[in-house]
């Protein structure tokens, strides 16, 4: 994919990318704590 096409794709989808990142960051996923194992798996998906 040419760089210009990639730039355009990223610009067109930036709002969705940010929303998905924020959603992922809200998942408590402390991998060293077994209490969060299910959330870690959920975040990996």
Protein backbone atom coordinates (compact mmCIF):
# COMPACT_ATOMS: atom_id res chain seq x y z
CA UNK A 1 0.00 0.00 0.00
CA UNK A 2 1.46 3.37 -0.94
CA UNK A 3 2.25 5.68 1.96
CA UNK A 4 -0.29 8.26 0.76
CA UNK A 5 -3.05 5.62 0.84
CA UNK A 6 -2.01 4.54 4.33
CA UNK A 7 -2.02 8.14 5.53
CA UNK A 8 -5.50 8.65 4.08
CA UNK A 9 -6.78 5.42 5.67
CA UNK A 10 -5.40 6.42 9.07
CA UNK A 11 -6.88 9.90 8.83
CA UNK A 12 -10.28 8.54 7.81
CA UNK A 13 -10.32 6.03 10.67
CA UNK A 14 -8.58 8.02 13.40
CA UNK A 15 -11.74 8.56 15.44
CA UNK A 16 -12.50 4.81 15.46
CA UNK A 17 -8.88 3.95 16.32
CA UNK A 18 -8.90 6.33 19.29
CA UNK A 19 -12.28 5.01 20.50
CA UNK A 20 -11.04 1.41 20.33
CA UNK A 21 -7.84 2.33 22.17
CA UNK A 22 -9.78 4.08 24.93
CA UNK A 23 -12.07 1.06 25.26
CA UNK A 24 -9.07 -1.27 25.56
CA UNK A 25 -7.39 0.96 28.13
CA UNK A 26 -10.49 0.81 30.33
CA UNK A 27 -10.10 -2.96 30.76
CA UNK A 28 -8.29 -3.74 34.02
CA UNK A 29 -5.53 -6.02 32.78
CA UNK A 30 -2.73 -6.32 35.30
CA UNK A 31 -1.11 -9.48 33.97
CA UNK A 32 0.88 -10.29 37.12
CA UNK A 33 -2.27 -10.47 39.27
CA UNK A 34 -4.26 -13.73 38.82
CA UNK A 35 -7.41 -11.88 39.87
CA UNK A 36 -7.33 -10.11 36.50
CA UNK A 37 -6.67 -13.18 34.34
CA UNK A 38 -10.06 -13.04 32.61
CA UNK A 39 -9.66 -9.34 31.89
CA UNK A 40 -6.17 -9.89 30.49
CA UNK A 41 -7.60 -12.51 28.13
CA UNK A 42 -10.44 -10.16 27.18
CA UNK A 43 -7.99 -7.37 26.43
CA UNK A 44 -5.89 -9.69 24.26
CA UNK A 45 -8.91 -10.43 22.10
